[in-house]
Amino acid sequence: MKNVTKGVSVGLLLSAGLLANTAMAAMAAMAATGSEWCDSNKMVRFAEIGWDSGKFETEIIRQVMERGYGCKTETVPGTNPITMGALIGGKIQFFVEYWQGRTDTMEQAAKDEKIKFVGSLVKGGGIEGIYVPEYVIKGDPAKGVAPMAPDLKSVADLSKYKALFKDPEDPKMGRFLNCPSGWSCEKDNNQRIKAYGLRETYNNFRPGTGAALDAAIAGAFQRKQPLLFSYFEPSSILGKHKSIRLEEPEWNEKCWKTINGSMEDKPCGSASPATNLTTAVAVDFAKANPGLIEFIGKVELPITTVNEAIAEMADKKIPAEKMAEQFLRKNPSLWKTWVPEQVGSKIQASLN
């Protein structure tokens, strides 16, 4: 009996040791992933973003989580108000490429600690401005296009170029191609036109939709016509069509208040501030998954990389999922700085 008891005791000790080692391994894995959700096989839900840069960035984050952290993920379709509401309510976990400061309900939800803004997805942030095609200023020798306005540098120069940017429906006036009615950039531009003294020389033309705006820009580039237009980046349009942003007065808070969300009769000029493009995360998820939040906080892409990728997506009709995979294959030196070494090894192995 003594020998049997001793054998049982040894067996119990060995079992306890194995259990302890297993627990330690599990704890080590948890430390590496920092994700209760992924370790327990819970679904991680992303808002399905409606614009190309957001789709591309969503897929990069989603694929890193799947390939490196073993997460199960899916995207949830819906308009911005619907998916933002779902995020605030904790029904989805991520909204990628939120333009920080632009949506009151999201800003209030962050103050109420229902969501959290994590990181800066694009170096330098998102930019809005007034653009002309590069060939207007520099020409395009390969296409036999001479410079049309070689000394055009800023919005202050525009009054003398109304004939160059003439409105085909009103040739005595220039045409400024604004954003569609109701967009925040359209309202800002209405004030800019006042601030820059352009109401007497330019018609404020608003296309009906974003697709109509893109078509008007693409058509002008195809025909190498002069064009004065408002746009933003990162964007597939500016990634595909080389443009120059005209200089505006430097941003200052006092003048910006007379432009952004304002209808003041006498606004003063100000460039738009660079906007932080961040990832909005449901707070409960953020608290439970520190390793994933640390990774997301490190994701940062050069704006040229985003512009080029989404231009290729649009031009070749490549799905965002494939474009993100292509990015991961070509840029290991970048994304490996975002994740722990063992997570990076898993991602690399999955790509191989």
Protein backbone atom coordinates (compact mmCIF):
# COMPACT_ATOMS: atom_id res chain seq x y z
CA MET A 1 0.00 0.00 0.00
CA LYS A 2 2.83 2.38 0.77
CA ASN A 3 4.21 1.94 -2.73
CA VAL A 4 0.78 2.46 -4.28
CA THR A 5 0.21 5.58 -2.21
CA LYS A 6 3.61 6.88 -3.16
CA GLY A 7 2.84 6.18 -6.83
CA VAL A 8 -0.46 7.99 -6.58
CA SER A 9 1.23 10.94 -4.84
CA VAL A 10 3.87 11.13 -7.54
CA GLY A 11 1.18 10.88 -10.20
CA LEU A 12 -0.79 13.68 -8.57
CA LEU A 13 2.31 15.83 -8.36
CA LEU A 14 3.10 15.19 -12.01
CA SER A 15 -0.49 16.02 -12.98
CA ALA A 16 -0.40 19.17 -10.89
CA GLY A 17 2.88 20.12 -12.54
CA LEU A 18 1.44 19.57 -15.98
CA LEU A 19 -1.61 21.63 -15.10
CA ALA A 20 0.58 24.40 -13.74
CA ASN A 21 2.69 24.36 -16.90
CA THR A 22 -0.46 24.42 -19.04
CA ALA A 23 -1.82 27.35 -17.02
CA MET A 24 1.49 29.17 -17.35
CA ALA A 25 1.49 28.55 -21.11
CA ALA A 26 -2.06 29.83 -21.33
CA MET A 27 -1.12 32.91 -19.33
CA ALA A 28 1.89 33.47 -21.61
CA ALA A 29 -0.34 33.19 -24.66
CA MET A 30 -2.80 35.63 -23.10
CA ALA A 31 0.07 38.02 -22.36
CA ALA A 32 1.11 37.81 -26.01
CA THR A 33 -2.37 38.41 -27.41
CA GLY A 34 -3.88 40.36 -24.55
CA SER A 35 -7.26 39.24 -25.86
CA GLU A 36 -9.96 37.56 -23.82
CA TRP A 37 -12.24 37.71 -26.85
CA CYS A 38 -9.94 35.95 -29.27
CA ASP A 39 -8.79 33.33 -26.75
CA SER A 40 -12.43 32.49 -25.98
CA ASN A 41 -13.33 32.42 -29.70
CA LYS A 42 -15.76 35.35 -29.52
CA MET A 43 -16.50 37.18 -32.77
CA VAL A 44 -14.87 40.59 -33.24
CA ARG A 45 -17.10 42.84 -35.36
CA PHE A 46 -15.93 45.73 -37.54
CA ALA A 47 -18.09 48.43 -39.11
CA GLU A 48 -18.08 48.07 -42.89
CA ILE A 49 -16.68 51.44 -44.01
CA GLY A 50 -18.07 53.04 -47.17
CA TRP A 51 -14.91 54.70 -48.52
CA ASP A 52 -11.78 53.08 -49.92
CA SER A 53 -9.17 54.26 -47.42
CA GLY A 54 -11.35 53.10 -44.51
CA LYS A 55 -11.97 49.75 -46.21
CA PHE A 56 -8.24 49.26 -46.79
CA GLU A 57 -7.25 50.15 -43.22
CA THR A 58 -10.05 48.00 -41.79
CA GLU A 59 -8.77 45.01 -43.73
CA ILE A 60 -5.18 45.53 -42.58
CA ILE A 61 -6.23 45.58 -38.91
CA ARG A 62 -8.71 42.73 -39.36
CA GLN A 63 -6.17 40.48 -41.11
CA VAL A 64 -3.44 41.14 -38.53
CA MET A 65 -5.91 40.16 -35.81
CA GLU A 66 -6.92 36.98 -37.64
CA ARG A 67 -3.48 35.91 -38.87
CA GLY A 68 -1.42 36.93 -35.82
CA TYR A 69 -3.78 36.87 -32.85
CA GLY A 70 -6.12 34.04 -33.90
CA CYS A 71 -9.23 36.22 -33.76
CA LYS A 72 -12.52 35.44 -35.47
CA THR A 73 -13.72 38.61 -37.24
CA GLU A 74 -16.47 39.87 -39.49
CA THR A 75 -17.58 43.19 -41.00
CA VAL A 76 -21.07 44.55 -40.38
CA PRO A 77 -22.71 46.60 -43.17
CA GLY A 78 -24.68 49.78 -42.57
CA THR A 79 -24.62 53.54 -42.99
CA ASN A 80 -22.31 55.58 -40.78
CA PRO A 81 -25.09 56.57 -38.32
CA ILE A 82 -26.18 52.93 -37.98
CA THR A 83 -22.71 51.43 -37.45
CA MET A 84 -21.64 54.28 -35.17
CA GLY A 85 -24.76 53.65 -33.09
CA ALA A 86 -23.94 49.94 -32.98
CA LEU A 87 -20.41 50.75 -31.78
CA ILE A 88 -21.68 53.08 -29.07
CA GLY A 89 -24.15 50.39 -27.99
CA GLY A 90 -21.42 47.74 -27.82
CA LYS A 91 -22.90 45.59 -30.61
CA ILE A 92 -19.79 45.99 -32.76
CA GLN A 93 -16.24 46.56 -31.56
CA PHE A 94 -14.46 48.68 -34.20
CA PHE A 95 -15.04 51.64 -36.50
CA VAL A 96 -11.82 52.19 -38.45
CA GLU A 97 -10.83 55.60 -39.90
CA TYR A 98 -13.04 57.84 -37.86
CA TRP A 99 -12.28 61.51 -38.59
CA GLN A 100 -11.86 62.70 -35.04
CA GLY A 101 -13.86 65.74 -34.03
CA ARG A 102 -16.31 65.53 -36.96
CA THR A 103 -19.34 63.72 -35.49
CA ASP A 104 -21.05 65.03 -32.35
CA THR A 105 -22.56 61.69 -31.31
CA MET A 106 -19.18 59.97 -31.42
CA GLU A 107 -17.43 62.78 -29.56
CA GLN A 108 -20.08 62.67 -26.83
CA ALA A 109 -19.83 58.87 -26.62
CA ALA A 110 -16.08 59.21 -26.06
CA LYS A 111 -16.72 61.75 -23.27
CA ASP A 112 -19.26 59.34 -21.77
CA GLU A 113 -16.62 56.57 -21.93
CA LYS A 114 -18.71 54.34 -24.19
CA ILE A 115 -16.06 54.34 -26.91
CA LYS A 116 -12.34 55.05 -27.04
CA PHE A 117 -10.25 56.62 -29.82
CA VAL A 118 -7.03 54.67 -30.39
CA GLY A 119 -4.03 55.73 -32.45
CA SER A 120 -3.43 57.71 -35.65
CA LEU A 121 -3.88 55.61 -38.77
CA VAL A 122 -2.30 58.03 -41.24
CA LYS A 123 0.83 60.10 -40.65
CA GLY A 124 -0.11 63.77 -40.70
CA GLY A 125 -3.82 63.01 -40.50
CA GLY A 126 -6.58 63.59 -43.02
CA ILE A 127 -6.43 66.72 -45.14
CA GLU A 128 -9.11 68.80 -46.88
CA GLY A 129 -8.24 71.55 -49.30
CA ILE A 130 -8.61 73.33 -52.63
CA TYR A 131 -6.78 71.64 -55.49
CA VAL A 132 -5.85 72.00 -59.16
CA PRO A 133 -4.43 69.27 -61.43
CA GLU A 134 -0.64 69.21 -61.43
CA TYR A 135 -0.58 69.79 -65.19
CA VAL A 136 -2.27 73.18 -64.71
CA ILE A 137 0.86 74.48 -62.95
CA LYS A 138 3.63 72.21 -64.26
CA GLY A 139 2.24 71.00 -67.57
CA ASP A 140 2.54 67.43 -68.82
CA PRO A 141 5.34 67.20 -71.43
CA ALA A 142 4.63 63.53 -72.13
CA LYS A 143 1.10 64.46 -73.24
CA GLY A 144 2.12 67.70 -74.93
CA VAL A 145 0.43 69.87 -72.31
CA ALA A 146 2.08 73.19 -71.52
CA PRO A 147 1.75 74.84 -68.09
CA MET A 148 -1.47 76.86 -67.96
CA ALA A 149 -0.82 78.82 -64.76
CA PRO A 150 2.84 78.35 -63.80
CA ASP A 151 2.72 81.04 -61.11
CA LEU A 152 -0.47 79.82 -59.43
CA LYS A 153 0.41 79.01 -55.84
CA SER A 154 -2.36 80.11 -53.51
CA VAL A 155 -6.05 80.94 -53.26
CA ALA A 156 -5.00 84.61 -53.31
CA ASP A 157 -4.00 84.13 -56.99
CA LEU A 158 -7.35 82.75 -58.11
CA SER A 159 -9.11 86.05 -58.92
CA LYS A 160 -6.88 86.55 -61.98
CA TYR A 161 -7.52 83.02 -63.27
CA LYS A 162 -11.30 83.02 -63.58
CA ALA A 163 -10.99 82.81 -67.39
CA LEU A 164 -8.82 79.70 -67.09
CA PHE A 165 -11.35 77.98 -64.81
CA LYS A 166 -14.38 79.35 -66.65
CA ASP A 167 -17.82 77.98 -65.96
CA PRO A 168 -19.07 76.34 -69.20
CA GLU A 169 -22.62 77.39 -68.33
CA ASP A 170 -21.61 80.97 -67.43
CA PRO A 171 -18.35 81.83 -69.27
CA LYS A 172 -18.04 85.26 -67.63
CA MET A 173 -17.40 83.51 -64.33
CA GLY A 174 -14.97 80.90 -63.11
CA ARG A 175 -16.25 77.63 -61.63
CA PHE A 176 -15.27 76.19 -58.29
CA LEU A 177 -16.21 72.51 -57.99
CA ASN A 178 -17.40 72.18 -54.41
CA CYS A 179 -18.36 69.09 -52.42
CA PRO A 180 -21.97 67.86 -52.73
CA SER A 181 -24.63 69.80 -50.82
CA GLY A 182 -24.88 68.84 -47.17
CA TRP A 183 -21.32 67.56 -46.80
CA SER A 184 -19.32 69.32 -44.10
CA CYS A 185 -16.67 70.32 -46.65
CA GLU A 186 -19.38 71.95 -48.81
CA LYS A 187 -20.48 74.13 -45.91
CA ASP A 188 -16.88 75.02 -45.07
CA ASN A 189 -16.17 75.92 -48.69
CA ASN A 190 -19.20 78.21 -48.83
CA GLN A 191 -17.49 80.25 -46.12
CA ARG A 192 -14.07 80.02 -47.74
CA ILE A 193 -15.38 81.54 -50.96
CA LYS A 194 -16.59 84.51 -48.92
CA ALA A 195 -13.33 84.76 -46.97
CA TYR A 196 -11.17 84.70 -50.11
CA GLY A 197 -13.30 87.24 -51.98
CA LEU A 198 -14.23 84.82 -54.77
CA ARG A 199 -18.01 85.24 -54.87
CA GLU A 200 -17.69 87.95 -57.53
CA THR A 201 -15.49 85.87 -59.82
CA TYR A 202 -16.43 82.20 -59.28
CA ASN A 203 -19.67 80.24 -59.29
CA ASN A 204 -19.98 77.80 -56.42
CA PHE A 205 -20.91 74.57 -58.22
CA ARG A 206 -22.12 71.63 -56.15
CA PRO A 207 -22.44 68.18 -57.77
CA GLY A 208 -25.38 66.07 -56.66
CA THR A 209 -23.39 63.17 -55.21
CA GLY A 210 -19.89 62.06 -54.31
CA ALA A 211 -19.88 59.84 -57.42
CA ALA A 212 -20.74 62.87 -59.56
CA LEU A 213 -17.88 64.83 -57.95
CA ASP A 214 -15.42 62.02 -58.70
CA ALA A 215 -16.70 61.68 -62.28
CA ALA A 216 -16.28 65.42 -62.91
CA ILE A 217 -12.69 65.32 -61.63
CA ALA A 218 -11.78 62.17 -63.56
CA GLY A 219 -13.31 63.60 -66.75
CA ALA A 220 -11.30 66.82 -66.52
CA PHE A 221 -8.07 64.88 -65.97
CA GLN A 222 -8.79 62.60 -68.90
CA ARG A 223 -9.25 65.60 -71.20
CA LYS A 224 -6.41 67.58 -69.54
CA GLN A 225 -8.78 70.45 -68.81
CA PRO A 226 -8.18 73.08 -66.12
CA LEU A 227 -10.14 72.40 -62.95
CA LEU A 228 -10.48 74.06 -59.55
CA PHE A 229 -11.94 71.66 -57.01
CA SER A 230 -12.31 70.75 -53.37
CA TYR A 231 -11.24 67.35 -52.13
CA PHE A 232 -9.68 65.41 -49.25
CA GLU A 233 -7.01 62.83 -48.70
CA PRO A 234 -6.31 60.01 -48.26
CA SER A 235 -8.44 59.27 -51.33
CA SER A 236 -8.29 57.17 -54.45
CA ILE A 237 -8.94 60.26 -56.60
CA LEU A 238 -5.83 62.10 -55.38
CA GLY A 239 -3.85 58.88 -55.38
CA LYS A 240 -4.63 58.35 -59.05
CA HIS A 241 -4.72 61.95 -60.32
CA LYS A 242 -1.69 64.08 -59.40
CA SER A 243 -2.90 67.35 -57.94
CA ILE A 244 -1.50 70.36 -56.12
CA ARG A 245 -3.19 71.78 -53.03
CA LEU A 246 -3.29 75.57 -53.17
CA GLU A 247 -1.85 77.48 -50.25
CA GLU A 248 -4.33 79.01 -47.82
CA PRO A 249 -3.79 81.18 -44.74
CA GLU A 250 -2.43 79.04 -41.94
CA TRP A 251 -4.99 77.48 -39.66
CA ASN A 252 -5.94 79.59 -36.69
CA GLU A 253 -8.69 78.89 -34.23
CA LYS A 254 -10.40 82.28 -34.42
CA CYS A 255 -10.81 82.25 -38.21
CA TRP A 256 -11.62 78.54 -38.32
CA LYS A 257 -14.64 79.21 -36.13
CA THR A 258 -15.94 81.60 -38.81
CA ILE A 259 -15.65 78.82 -41.41
CA ASN A 260 -16.38 75.46 -39.84
CA GLY A 261 -20.08 75.10 -39.01
CA SER A 262 -20.57 78.84 -39.46
CA MET A 263 -22.72 81.11 -41.64
CA GLU A 264 -20.99 84.31 -40.60
CA ASP A 265 -21.23 87.04 -43.25
CA LYS A 266 -17.58 88.08 -43.01
CA PRO A 267 -15.43 85.02 -42.28
CA CYS A 268 -11.66 85.21 -42.27
CA GLY A 269 -9.52 82.75 -44.16
CA SER A 270 -8.07 79.61 -42.62
CA ALA A 271 -6.87 76.29 -43.92
CA SER A 272 -8.61 73.22 -42.52
CA PRO A 273 -6.73 71.67 -39.62
CA ALA A 274 -5.27 68.24 -40.22
CA THR A 275 -7.74 65.74 -38.79
CA ASN A 276 -6.61 62.73 -36.79
CA LEU A 277 -7.81 59.56 -38.49
CA THR A 278 -8.27 57.18 -35.61
CA THR A 279 -9.83 53.84 -34.74
CA ALA A 280 -12.92 54.04 -32.56
CA VAL A 281 -13.25 51.05 -30.21
CA ALA A 282 -16.04 49.97 -27.88
CA VAL A 283 -14.80 50.62 -24.32
CA ASP A 284 -15.72 47.18 -22.95
CA PHE A 285 -13.65 45.54 -25.68
CA ALA A 286 -10.73 47.93 -25.12
CA LYS A 287 -10.62 47.14 -21.39
CA ALA A 288 -10.73 43.39 -21.96
CA ASN A 289 -8.14 43.27 -24.75
CA PRO A 290 -5.08 45.38 -23.87
CA GLY A 291 -2.73 43.56 -26.25
CA LEU A 292 -4.93 44.26 -29.25
CA ILE A 293 -5.38 47.88 -28.22
CA GLU A 294 -1.60 48.26 -27.93
CA PHE A 295 -1.21 46.89 -31.48
CA ILE A 296 -3.90 49.20 -32.91
CA GLY A 297 -2.29 52.19 -31.24
CA LYS A 298 0.90 51.48 -33.21
CA VAL A 299 -0.72 51.22 -36.65
CA GLU A 300 0.37 54.22 -38.70
CA LEU A 301 0.63 54.45 -42.49
CA PRO A 302 2.26 57.09 -44.73
CA ILE A 303 -0.46 59.01 -46.60
CA THR A 304 1.26 58.25 -49.92
CA THR A 305 1.04 54.52 -49.17
CA VAL A 306 -2.70 54.80 -48.53
CA ASN A 307 -3.33 56.99 -51.59
CA GLU A 308 -1.40 54.66 -53.89
CA ALA A 309 -3.06 51.54 -52.52
CA ILE A 310 -6.61 52.81 -52.82
CA ALA A 311 -5.90 54.29 -56.26
CA GLU A 312 -4.81 50.82 -57.38
CA MET A 313 -7.91 49.35 -55.74
CA ALA A 314 -10.14 51.70 -57.70
CA ASP A 315 -8.23 51.46 -60.99
CA LYS A 316 -7.90 47.67 -61.08
CA LYS A 317 -11.08 46.92 -59.10
CA ILE A 318 -9.11 45.03 -56.44
CA PRO A 319 -11.13 44.15 -53.30
CA ALA A 320 -9.87 45.78 -50.10
CA GLU A 321 -9.19 42.32 -48.63
CA LYS A 322 -6.76 41.47 -51.46
CA MET A 323 -5.14 44.91 -51.33
CA ALA A 324 -4.51 44.56 -47.59
CA GLU A 325 -2.98 41.11 -48.10
CA GLN A 326 -0.76 42.56 -50.83
CA PHE A 327 0.30 45.32 -48.44
CA LEU A 328 1.19 42.79 -45.71
CA ARG A 329 3.28 40.76 -48.15
CA LYS A 330 5.21 43.79 -49.40
CA ASN A 331 5.72 45.69 -46.13
CA PRO A 332 6.82 43.31 -43.33
CA SER A 333 9.39 45.82 -42.08
CA LEU A 334 6.53 48.23 -41.33
CA TRP A 335 3.85 46.03 -39.80
CA LYS A 336 6.33 43.99 -37.72
CA THR A 337 6.94 47.15 -35.67
CA TRP A 338 3.27 47.05 -34.63
CA VAL A 339 3.15 43.59 -33.04
CA PRO A 340 5.16 41.32 -30.69
CA GLU A 341 7.73 39.08 -32.39
CA GLN A 342 5.76 35.84 -32.00
CA VAL A 343 2.63 37.47 -33.44
CA GLY A 344 4.68 38.74 -36.38
CA SER A 345 6.00 35.22 -36.99
CA LYS A 346 2.45 33.86 -37.16
CA ILE A 347 1.44 36.54 -39.65
CA GLN A 348 4.48 35.87 -41.81
CA ALA A 349 3.83 32.12 -41.75
CA SER A 350 0.19 32.65 -42.80
CA LEU A 351 1.31 34.81 -45.73
CA ASN A 352 3.88 32.22 -46.81
